[in-house]
PDB file of N, CA and C in Angstrom:
ATOM      1  N   MET A   1       7.999 -31.793   0.225  1.00  0.00           N
ATOM      2  CA  MET A   1       7.525 -32.486  -0.623  1.00  0.00           C
ATOM      3  C   MET A   1       8.680 -32.586  -1.434  1.00  0.00           C
ATOM      4  N   THR A   2       8.724 -34.521  -1.469  1.00  0.00           N
ATOM      5  CA  THR A   2       9.603 -34.907  -2.579  1.00  0.00           C
ATOM      6  C   THR A   2       8.884 -35.756  -4.054  1.00  0.00           C
ATOM      7  N   ILE A   3       9.538 -35.123  -5.118  1.00  0.00           N
ATOM      8  CA  ILE A   3       9.118 -35.560  -6.236  1.00  0.00           C
ATOM      9  C   ILE A   3      10.058 -36.633  -7.076  1.00  0.00           C
ATOM     10  N   THR A   4       9.645 -37.418  -7.592  1.00  0.00           N
ATOM     11  CA  THR A   4      10.654 -38.706  -8.118  1.00  0.00           C
ATOM     12  C   THR A   4       9.871 -38.874  -9.502  1.00  0.00           C
ATOM     13  N   LYS A   5      10.728 -38.562 -10.395  1.00  0.00           N
ATOM     14  CA  LYS A   5      10.186 -38.588 -12.029  1.00  0.00           C
ATOM     15  C   LYS A   5      10.851 -39.369 -12.724  1.00  0.00           C
ATOM     16  N   ASN A   6      10.044 -40.541 -13.006  1.00  0.00           N
ATOM     17  CA  ASN A   6      10.449 -42.027 -14.091  1.00  0.00           C
ATOM     18  C   ASN A   6      10.359 -41.498 -15.391  1.00  0.00           C
ATOM     19  N   GLN A   7      10.916 -41.369 -16.633  1.00  0.00           N
ATOM     20  CA  GLN A   7      10.252 -41.640 -18.200  1.00  0.00           C
ATOM     21  C   GLN A   7      10.418 -42.974 -18.484  1.00  0.00           C
ATOM     22  N   ASN A   8       9.080 -43.614 -18.906  1.00  0.00           N
ATOM     23  CA  ASN A   8       9.544 -44.817 -18.698  1.00  0.00           C
ATOM     24  C   ASN A   8       8.505 -45.458 -20.974  1.00  0.00           C
ATOM     25  N   GLY A   9       9.560 -44.947 -21.534  1.00  0.00           N
ATOM     26  CA  GLY A   9       9.031 -44.545 -23.104  1.00  0.00           C
ATOM     27  C   GLY A   9       8.385 -43.381 -23.099  1.00  0.00           C
ATOM     28  N   SER A  10       7.323 -43.564 -23.598  1.00  0.00           N
ATOM     29  CA  SER A  10       6.348 -41.992 -23.753  1.00  0.00           C
ATOM     30  C   SER A  10       5.377 -42.067 -22.466  1.00  0.00           C
ATOM     31  N   THR A  11       5.509 -42.562 -21.477  1.00  0.00           N
ATOM     32  CA  THR A  11       5.259 -42.630 -20.247  1.00  0.00           C
ATOM     33  C   THR A  11       5.683 -41.914 -19.268  1.00  0.00           C
ATOM     34  N   LEU A  12       5.263 -40.760 -18.448  1.00  0.00           N
ATOM     35  CA  LEU A  12       6.078 -40.004 -17.205  1.00  0.00           C
ATOM     36  C   LEU A  12       5.196 -40.701 -15.904  1.00  0.00           C
ATOM     37  N   GLU A  13       6.648 -41.043 -15.274  1.00  0.00           N
ATOM     38  CA  GLU A  13       5.873 -41.527 -13.513  1.00  0.00           C
ATOM     39  C   GLU A  13       6.273 -40.601 -12.732  1.00  0.00           C
ATOM     40  N   ILE A  14       5.309 -39.929 -11.967  1.00  0.00           N
ATOM     41  CA  ILE A  14       5.420 -39.218 -10.995  1.00  0.00           C
ATOM     42  C   ILE A  14       5.246 -39.972  -9.804  1.00  0.00           C
ATOM     43  N   ALA A  15       6.405 -39.876  -8.875  1.00  0.00           N
ATOM     44  CA  ALA A  15       5.802 -40.360  -7.252  1.00  0.00           C
ATOM     45  C   ALA A  15       6.033 -39.145  -6.501  1.00  0.00           C
ATOM     46  N   LEU A  16       5.387 -38.892  -5.739  1.00  0.00           N
ATOM     47  CA  LEU A  16       5.197 -37.530  -4.394  1.00  0.00           C
ATOM     48  C   LEU A  16       5.315 -38.346  -3.482  1.00  0.00           C
ATOM     49  N   GLU A  17       6.025 -37.575  -2.522  1.00  0.00           N
ATOM     50  CA  GLU A  17       6.089 -37.904  -0.912  1.00  0.00           C
ATOM     51  C   GLU A  17       6.021 -36.956  -0.361  1.00  0.00           C
ATOM     52  N   GLY A  18       5.116 -36.904   1.130  1.00  0.00           N
ATOM     53  CA  GLY A  18       4.673 -35.837   1.908  1.00  0.00           C
ATOM     54  C   GLY A  18       3.699 -34.992   1.685  1.00  0.00           C
ATOM     55  N   ARG A  19       3.690 -33.429   1.402  1.00  0.00           N
ATOM     56  CA  ARG A  19       2.430 -32.633   1.366  1.00  0.00           C
ATOM     57  C   ARG A  19       2.331 -31.821   0.318  1.00  0.00           C
ATOM     58  N   LEU A  20       1.513 -31.915  -0.468  1.00  0.00           N
ATOM     59  CA  LEU A  20       1.154 -31.060  -1.480  1.00  0.00           C
ATOM     60  C   LEU A  20      -0.022 -29.931  -1.142  1.00  0.00           C
ATOM     61  N   ASP A  21       0.414 -29.163  -1.045  1.00  0.00           N
ATOM     62  CA  ASP A  21       0.000 -27.591  -0.441  1.00  0.00           C
ATOM     63  C   ASP A  21       0.337 -26.484  -1.075  1.00  0.00           C
ATOM     64  N   THR A  22       0.117 -25.142  -0.826  1.00  0.00           N
ATOM     65  CA  THR A  22       0.207 -24.173  -1.121  1.00  0.00           C
ATOM     66  C   THR A  22       1.844 -23.734  -1.126  1.00  0.00           C
ATOM     67  N   MET A  23       2.618 -24.265  -0.410  1.00  0.00           N
ATOM     68  CA  MET A  23       3.826 -23.919  -0.645  1.00  0.00           C
ATOM     69  C   MET A  23       5.034 -24.685  -1.403  1.00  0.00           C
ATOM     70  N   THR A  24       4.087 -26.139  -1.926  1.00  0.00           N
ATOM     71  CA  THR A  24       5.164 -27.002  -2.406  1.00  0.00           C
ATOM     72  C   THR A  24       4.236 -27.293  -3.837  1.00  0.00           C
ATOM     73  N   ALA A  25       2.849 -26.939  -3.952  1.00  0.00           N
ATOM     74  CA  ALA A  25       2.127 -26.892  -5.462  1.00  0.00           C
ATOM     75  C   ALA A  25       3.256 -26.317  -6.638  1.00  0.00           C
ATOM     76  N   PRO A  26       3.534 -25.093  -6.797  1.00  0.00           N
ATOM     77  CA  PRO A  26       4.583 -24.520  -7.590  1.00  0.00           C
ATOM     78  C   PRO A  26       5.445 -25.411  -8.063  1.00  0.00           C
ATOM     79  N   GLU A  27       6.113 -26.258  -6.750  1.00  0.00           N
ATOM     80  CA  GLU A  27       7.445 -26.888  -7.323  1.00  0.00           C
ATOM     81  C   GLU A  27       6.766 -27.929  -8.210  1.00  0.00           C
ATOM     82  N   LEU A  28       5.903 -29.298  -7.859  1.00  0.00           N
ATOM     83  CA  LEU A  28       5.083 -29.574  -9.070  1.00  0.00           C
ATOM     84  C   LEU A  28       4.607 -29.335 -10.109  1.00  0.00           C
ATOM     85  N   GLU A  29       3.828 -28.118 -10.334  1.00  0.00           N
ATOM     86  CA  GLU A  29       3.469 -27.262 -11.481  1.00  0.00           C
ATOM     87  C   GLU A  29       4.613 -26.978 -12.549  1.00  0.00           C
ATOM     88  N   ALA A  30       5.995 -26.691 -12.069  1.00  0.00           N
ATOM     89  CA  ALA A  30       6.871 -26.257 -12.871  1.00  0.00           C
ATOM     90  C   ALA A  30       7.589 -27.906 -12.946  1.00  0.00           C
ATOM     91  N   GLU A  31       7.686 -28.780 -12.470  1.00  0.00           N
ATOM     92  CA  GLU A  31       8.218 -30.165 -13.027  1.00  0.00           C
ATOM     93  C   GLU A  31       7.128 -30.584 -14.045  1.00  0.00           C
ATOM     94  N   LEU A  32       6.143 -30.267 -13.845  1.00  0.00           N
ATOM     95  CA  LEU A  32       5.255 -30.772 -14.755  1.00  0.00           C
ATOM     96  C   LEU A  32       4.557 -30.185 -16.421  1.00  0.00           C
ATOM     97  N   ASN A  33       5.146 -28.847 -15.606  1.00  0.00           N
ATOM     98  CA  ASN A  33       5.579 -27.781 -16.974  1.00  0.00           C
ATOM     99  C   ASN A  33       6.687 -28.481 -18.075  1.00  0.00           C
ATOM    100  N   ARG A  34       7.615 -28.845 -17.182  1.00  0.00           N
ATOM    101  CA  ARG A  34       8.928 -29.003 -18.179  1.00  0.00           C
ATOM    102  C   ARG A  34       8.906 -30.501 -18.705  1.00  0.00           C
ATOM    103  N   SER A  35       8.105 -31.897 -17.984  1.00  0.00           N
ATOM    104  CA  SER A  35       8.054 -32.970 -18.495  1.00  0.00           C
ATOM    105  C   SER A  35       6.897 -32.941 -19.199  1.00  0.00           C
ATOM    106  N   LEU A  36       5.502 -32.492 -19.033  1.00  0.00           N
ATOM    107  CA  LEU A  36       4.356 -33.088 -20.030  1.00  0.00           C
ATOM    108  C   LEU A  36       4.621 -32.843 -21.318  1.00  0.00           C
ATOM    109  N   PRO A  37       5.274 -31.901 -22.008  1.00  0.00           N
ATOM    110  CA  PRO A  37       4.940 -31.651 -23.206  1.00  0.00           C
ATOM    111  C   PRO A  37       6.112 -33.345 -24.054  1.00  0.00           C
ATOM    112  N   SER A  38       7.207 -34.143 -23.573  1.00  0.00           N
ATOM    113  CA  SER A  38       7.560 -34.947 -23.918  1.00  0.00           C
ATOM    114  C   SER A  38       6.692 -36.280 -23.459  1.00  0.00           C
ATOM    115  N   ALA A  39       5.638 -35.999 -22.584  1.00  0.00           N
ATOM    116  CA  ALA A  39       5.012 -37.738 -22.668  1.00  0.00           C
ATOM    117  C   ALA A  39       3.623 -37.318 -22.856  1.00  0.00           C
ATOM    118  N   ASP A  40       3.294 -38.799 -23.338  1.00  0.00           N
ATOM    119  CA  ASP A  40       1.709 -39.066 -23.901  1.00  0.00           C
ATOM    120  C   ASP A  40       0.670 -39.398 -23.043  1.00  0.00           C
ATOM    121  N   SER A  41       1.745 -40.013 -21.544  1.00  0.00           N
ATOM    122  CA  SER A  41       0.803 -40.190 -20.902  1.00  0.00           C
ATOM    123  C   SER A  41       1.328 -40.232 -19.235  1.00  0.00           C
ATOM    124  N   LEU A  42       0.440 -39.781 -18.269  1.00  0.00           N
ATOM    125  CA  LEU A  42       1.311 -39.245 -17.212  1.00  0.00           C
ATOM    126  C   LEU A  42       0.484 -40.296 -15.970  1.00  0.00           C
ATOM    127  N   VAL A  43       1.268 -40.748 -15.267  1.00  0.00           N
ATOM    128  CA  VAL A  43       0.877 -41.626 -14.192  1.00  0.00           C
ATOM    129  C   VAL A  43       1.287 -41.057 -12.671  1.00  0.00           C
ATOM    130  N   MET A  44       0.557 -40.751 -11.754  1.00  0.00           N
ATOM    131  CA  MET A  44       0.940 -40.198 -10.724  1.00  0.00           C
ATOM    132  C   MET A  44       1.140 -41.193  -9.390  1.00  0.00           C
ATOM    133  N   ASP A  45       1.990 -41.771  -8.422  1.00  0.00           N
ATOM    134  CA  ASP A  45       1.884 -42.063  -7.554  1.00  0.00           C
ATOM    135  C   ASP A  45       2.121 -41.738  -6.426  1.00  0.00           C
ATOM    136  N   PHE A  46       0.420 -41.777  -5.351  1.00  0.00           N
ATOM    137  CA  PHE A  46       0.407 -41.335  -4.400  1.00  0.00           C
ATOM    138  C   PHE A  46       0.593 -42.074  -2.831  1.00  0.00           C
ATOM    139  N   ALA A  47       1.328 -42.863  -3.443  1.00  0.00           N
ATOM    140  CA  ALA A  47       1.795 -43.875  -2.174  1.00  0.00           C
ATOM    141  C   ALA A  47       2.261 -43.300  -0.966  1.00  0.00           C
ATOM    142  N   LYS A  48       3.086 -42.381  -0.950  1.00  0.00           N
ATOM    143  CA  LYS A  48       3.607 -41.718  -0.407  1.00  0.00           C
ATOM    144  C   LYS A  48       3.230 -40.129   0.291  1.00  0.00           C
ATOM    145  N   LEU A  49       1.855 -39.552  -0.405  1.00  0.00           N
ATOM    146  CA  LEU A  49       1.465 -38.531   0.017  1.00  0.00           C
ATOM    147  C   LEU A  49       0.772 -38.206   0.652  1.00  0.00           C
ATOM    148  N   ASP A  50       0.752 -37.362   1.839  1.00  0.00           N
ATOM    149  CA  ASP A  50       0.573 -37.632   3.236  1.00  0.00           C
ATOM    150  C   ASP A  50      -1.146 -36.642   3.528  1.00  0.00           C
ATOM    151  N   TYR A  51      -0.918 -35.686   2.614  1.00  0.00           N
ATOM    152  CA  TYR A  51      -2.069 -34.196   2.107  1.00  0.00           C
ATOM    153  C   TYR A  51      -1.677 -33.863   0.992  1.00  0.00           C
ATOM    154  N   ILE A  52      -3.133 -33.435   1.140  1.00  0.00           N
ATOM    155  CA  ILE A  52      -3.483 -32.320  -0.410  1.00  0.00           C
ATOM    156  C   ILE A  52      -4.125 -31.597  -0.098  1.00  0.00           C
ATOM    157  N   SER A  53      -4.047 -29.980  -0.349  1.00  0.00           N
ATOM    158  CA  SER A  53      -4.571 -29.062  -0.445  1.00  0.00           C
ATOM    159  C   SER A  53      -5.140 -28.529  -1.858  1.00  0.00           C
ATOM    160  N   SER A  54      -6.047 -27.354  -1.364  1.00  0.00           N
ATOM    161  CA  SER A  54      -6.512 -27.038  -2.973  1.00  0.00           C
ATOM    162  C   SER A  54      -5.673 -26.620  -3.701  1.00  0.00           C
ATOM    163  N   ALA A  55      -4.617 -26.247  -3.525  1.00  0.00           N
ATOM    164  CA  ALA A  55      -3.381 -25.811  -4.873  1.00  0.00           C
ATOM    165  C   ALA A  55      -2.882 -26.679  -5.163  1.00  0.00           C
ATOM    166  N   GLY A  56      -2.916 -28.257  -4.732  1.00  0.00           N
ATOM    167  CA  GLY A  56      -2.458 -29.069  -5.203  1.00  0.00           C
ATOM    168  C   GLY A  56      -3.601 -29.871  -6.206  1.00  0.00           C
ATOM    169  N   LEU A  57      -4.525 -29.453  -5.503  1.00  0.00           N
ATOM    170  CA  LEU A  57      -5.930 -30.060  -6.561  1.00  0.00           C
ATOM    171  C   LEU A  57      -5.997 -29.243  -7.783  1.00  0.00           C
ATOM    172  N   ARG A  58      -5.693 -28.122  -7.984  1.00  0.00           N
ATOM    173  CA  ARG A  58      -5.669 -26.990  -9.074  1.00  0.00           C
ATOM    174  C   ARG A  58      -4.895 -27.600  -9.995  1.00  0.00           C
ATOM    175  N   VAL A  59      -3.331 -28.202  -9.271  1.00  0.00           N
ATOM    176  CA  VAL A  59      -1.956 -28.604 -10.122  1.00  0.00           C
ATOM    177  C   VAL A  59      -2.278 -29.899 -10.878  1.00  0.00           C
ATOM    178  N   LEU A  60      -3.340 -30.548 -10.075  1.00  0.00           N
ATOM    179  CA  LEU A  60      -3.977 -31.527 -10.840  1.00  0.00           C
ATOM    180  C   LEU A  60      -4.946 -31.633 -11.734  1.00  0.00           C
ATOM    181  N   LEU A  61      -5.757 -30.564 -11.438  1.00  0.00           N
ATOM    182  CA  LEU A  61      -6.802 -30.762 -12.995  1.00  0.00           C
ATOM    183  C   LEU A  61      -6.150 -30.076 -13.646  1.00  0.00           C
ATOM    184  N   SER A  62      -5.300 -29.034 -13.813  1.00  0.00           N
ATOM    185  CA  SER A  62      -4.208 -28.556 -14.668  1.00  0.00           C
ATOM    186  C   SER A  62      -3.740 -29.328 -15.578  1.00  0.00           C
ATOM    187  N   ALA A  63      -2.915 -30.808 -14.901  1.00  0.00           N
ATOM    188  CA  ALA A  63      -2.370 -31.864 -16.040  1.00  0.00           C
ATOM    189  C   ALA A  63      -3.252 -32.464 -16.103  1.00  0.00           C
ATOM    190  N   HIS A  64      -4.335 -32.659 -15.754  1.00  0.00           N
ATOM    191  CA  HIS A  64      -5.300 -33.692 -16.116  1.00  0.00           C
ATOM    192  C   HIS A  64      -5.980 -33.151 -17.752  1.00  0.00           C
ATOM    193  N   LYS A  65      -6.036 -31.451 -17.500  1.00  0.00           N
ATOM    194  CA  LYS A  65      -6.611 -30.878 -18.940  1.00  0.00           C
ATOM    195  C   LYS A  65      -5.621 -31.142 -20.075  1.00  0.00           C
ATOM    196  N   VAL A  66      -4.092 -30.947 -19.969  1.00  0.00           N
ATOM    197  CA  VAL A  66      -3.172 -31.105 -20.855  1.00  0.00           C
ATOM    198  C   VAL A  66      -3.127 -32.751 -21.207  1.00  0.00           C
ATOM    199  N   MET A  67      -3.611 -33.615 -20.022  1.00  0.00           N
ATOM    200  CA  MET A  67      -3.031 -35.110 -20.325  1.00  0.00           C
ATOM    201  C   MET A  67      -4.580 -35.743 -21.017  1.00  0.00           C
ATOM    202  N   ASN A  68      -5.587 -34.810 -21.226  1.00  0.00           N
ATOM    203  CA  ASN A  68      -6.876 -35.319 -21.978  1.00  0.00           C
ATOM    204  C   ASN A  68      -6.642 -35.626 -23.551  1.00  0.00           C
ATOM    205  N   THR A  69      -5.542 -34.001 -23.422  1.00  0.00           N
ATOM    206  CA  THR A  69      -5.343 -34.187 -25.319  1.00  0.00           C
ATOM    207  C   THR A  69      -4.461 -35.304 -25.804  1.00  0.00           C
ATOM    208  N   LYS A  70      -4.103 -35.817 -24.810  1.00  0.00           N
ATOM    209  CA  LYS A  70      -2.858 -37.020 -24.707  1.00  0.00           C
ATOM    210  C   LYS A  70      -3.607 -38.426 -24.823  1.00  0.00           C
ATOM    211  N   GLY A  71      -2.610 -38.999 -24.327  1.00  0.00           N
ATOM    212  CA  GLY A  71      -2.938 -40.671 -23.690  1.00  0.00           C
ATOM    213  C   GLY A  71      -3.512 -40.526 -22.180  1.00  0.00           C
ATOM    214  N   GLY A  72      -3.800 -39.300 -21.458  1.00  0.00           N
ATOM    215  CA  GLY A  72      -4.371 -39.239 -20.305  1.00  0.00           C
ATOM    216  C   GLY A  72      -3.523 -39.847 -19.434  1.00  0.00           C
ATOM    217  N   MET A  73      -4.366 -39.042 -17.711  1.00  0.00           N
ATOM    218  CA  MET A  73      -3.624 -39.183 -16.595  1.00  0.00           C
ATOM    219  C   MET A  73      -3.915 -40.136 -15.855  1.00  0.00           C
ATOM    220  N   LYS A  74      -3.484 -40.974 -14.963  1.00  0.00           N
ATOM    221  CA  LYS A  74      -4.018 -41.437 -13.743  1.00  0.00           C
ATOM    222  C   LYS A  74      -3.512 -41.733 -12.629  1.00  0.00           C
ATOM    223  N   ILE A  75      -4.332 -41.948 -11.604  1.00  0.00           N
ATOM    224  CA  ILE A  75      -3.348 -41.618 -10.335  1.00  0.00           C
ATOM    225  C   ILE A  75      -3.613 -43.029  -9.348  1.00  0.00           C
ATOM    226  N   LYS A  76      -2.488 -43.187  -8.864  1.00  0.00           N
ATOM    227  CA  LYS A  76      -2.408 -44.883  -8.381  1.00  0.00           C
ATOM    228  C   LYS A  76      -2.183 -44.699  -6.645  1.00  0.00           C
ATOM    229  N   ASN A  77      -2.278 -45.268  -6.060  1.00  0.00           N
ATOM    230  CA  ASN A  77      -1.469 -45.614  -4.506  1.00  0.00           C
ATOM    231  C   ASN A  77      -2.351 -44.426  -3.729  1.00  0.00           C
ATOM    232  N   VAL A  78      -3.406 -44.078  -3.442  1.00  0.00           N
ATOM    233  CA  VAL A  78      -4.145 -42.817  -2.766  1.00  0.00           C
ATOM    234  C   VAL A  78      -4.390 -43.557  -1.405  1.00  0.00           C
ATOM    235  N   ASN A  79      -3.900 -42.885  -0.677  1.00  0.00           N
ATOM    236  CA  ASN A  79      -4.645 -43.454   0.770  1.00  0.00           C
ATOM    237  C   ASN A  79      -5.668 -42.469   1.654  1.00  0.00           C
ATOM    238  N   ASP A  80      -6.367 -43.002   2.219  1.00  0.00           N
ATOM    239  CA  ASP A  80      -7.856 -42.555   2.700  1.00  0.00           C
ATOM    240  C   ASP A  80      -7.489 -40.953   3.195  1.00  0.00           C
ATOM    241  N   VAL A  81      -6.931 -40.124   3.654  1.00  0.00           N
ATOM    242  CA  VAL A  81      -6.839 -38.940   3.667  1.00  0.00           C
ATOM    243  C   VAL A  81      -6.921 -38.193   2.311  1.00  0.00           C
ATOM    244  N   VAL A  82      -5.952 -38.853   0.917  1.00  0.00           N
ATOM    245  CA  VAL A  82      -6.259 -38.002   0.429  1.00  0.00           C
ATOM    246  C   VAL A  82      -7.558 -38.585  -0.551  1.00  0.00           C
ATOM    247  N   GLN A  83      -7.832 -39.736  -0.556  1.00  0.00           N
ATOM    248  CA  GLN A  83      -9.031 -40.580  -1.082  1.00  0.00           C
ATOM    249  C   GLN A  83     -10.458 -39.644  -0.517  1.00  0.00           C
ATOM    250  N   GLU A  84     -10.263 -39.239   0.405  1.00  0.00           N
ATOM    251  CA  GLU A  84     -11.673 -38.281   1.080  1.00  0.00           C
ATOM    252  C   GLU A  84     -11.199 -36.730   0.679  1.00  0.00           C
ATOM    253  N   VAL A  85     -10.380 -36.181   0.130  1.00  0.00           N
ATOM    254  CA  VAL A  85     -10.441 -34.930  -0.140  1.00  0.00           C
ATOM    255  C   VAL A  85     -11.099 -35.212  -1.874  1.00  0.00           C
ATOM    256  N   PHE A  86     -10.447 -36.078  -2.347  1.00  0.00           N
ATOM    257  CA  PHE A  86     -10.904 -36.292  -3.966  1.00  0.00           C
ATOM    258  C   PHE A  86     -12.742 -36.798  -3.754  1.00  0.00           C
ATOM    259  N   ASP A  87     -13.198 -37.610  -3.084  1.00  0.00           N
ATOM    260  CA  ASP A  87     -14.511 -37.483  -2.670  1.00  0.00           C
ATOM    261  C   ASP A  87     -15.363 -36.436  -2.252  1.00  0.00           C
ATOM    262  N   VAL A  88     -15.120 -35.674  -1.313  1.00  0.00           N
ATOM    263  CA  VAL A  88     -15.699 -34.409  -0.990  1.00  0.00           C
ATOM    264  C   VAL A  88     -15.348 -33.610  -2.174  1.00  0.00           C
ATOM    265  N   THR A  89     -14.952 -33.022  -2.849  1.00  0.00           N
ATOM    266  CA  THR A  89     -14.461 -32.210  -3.748  1.00  0.00           C
ATOM    267  C   THR A  89     -14.636 -32.582  -4.975  1.00  0.00           C
ATOM    268  N   GLY A  90     -15.230 -33.724  -5.420  1.00  0.00           N
ATOM    269  CA  GLY A  90     -15.844 -34.109  -6.272  1.00  0.00           C
ATOM    270  C   GLY A  90     -14.639 -34.731  -7.790  1.00  0.00           C
ATOM    271  N   PHE A  91     -13.500 -34.320  -7.037  1.00  0.00           N
ATOM    272  CA  PHE A  91     -12.322 -34.920  -7.922  1.00  0.00           C
ATOM    273  C   PHE A  91     -12.557 -36.623  -8.590  1.00  0.00           C
ATOM    274  N   VAL A  92     -12.964 -37.241  -7.433  1.00  0.00           N
ATOM    275  CA  VAL A  92     -13.078 -38.608  -7.983  1.00  0.00           C
ATOM    276  C   VAL A  92     -13.749 -39.133  -8.970  1.00  0.00           C
ATOM    277  N   ASP A  93     -14.992 -38.126  -9.733  1.00  0.00           N
ATOM    278  CA  ASP A  93     -15.465 -38.156 -10.418  1.00  0.00           C
ATOM    279  C   ASP A  93     -14.983 -37.576 -11.990  1.00  0.00           C
ATOM    280  N   ILE A  94     -13.724 -36.485 -11.803  1.00  0.00           N
ATOM    281  CA  ILE A  94     -13.266 -36.054 -12.639  1.00  0.00           C
ATOM    282  C   ILE A  94     -11.849 -36.689 -13.348  1.00  0.00           C
ATOM    283  N   LEU A  95     -11.247 -37.300 -11.943  1.00  0.00           N
ATOM    284  CA  LEU A  95      -9.540 -37.906 -12.258  1.00  0.00           C
ATOM    285  C   LEU A  95      -9.970 -39.346 -12.302  1.00  0.00           C
ATOM    286  N   ASN A  96      -8.616 -39.768 -12.832  1.00  0.00           N
ATOM    287  CA  ASN A  96      -8.704 -41.555 -13.107  1.00  0.00           C
ATOM    288  C   ASN A  96      -7.820 -42.034 -11.968  1.00  0.00           C
ATOM    289  N   ILE A  97      -8.718 -42.369 -11.059  1.00  0.00           N
ATOM    290  CA  ILE A  97      -8.003 -43.129  -9.624  1.00  0.00           C
ATOM    291  C   ILE A  97      -8.082 -44.597  -9.795  1.00  0.00           C
ATOM    292  N   GLU A  98      -7.159 -45.235  -9.409  1.00  0.00           N
ATOM    293  CA  GLU A  98      -6.839 -46.278  -9.178  1.00  0.00           C
ATOM    294  C   GLU A  98      -6.721 -47.164  -7.672  1.00  0.00           C
TER     295      GLU A  98
END
């Protein structure tokens, strides 16, 4: 998985490419732990994310909880495969997905 990070003022933008699974979730979690303290809002771009597992969902839920105390978190450009995971798991009701 490739993580591309862009700080735009107080908004942190993170784009993911590849698979967010058991092997790559710790990498995203470490990046978020480093970057979220300085961000007021988080935008995650999933345009090139092919797959997400339960380990990836856990990282998203953790980031969502942190950002709820700030300016919030949104996820954009979700493909059909990832959207189906969000639908089946009920994450569509928890996360702000555009």
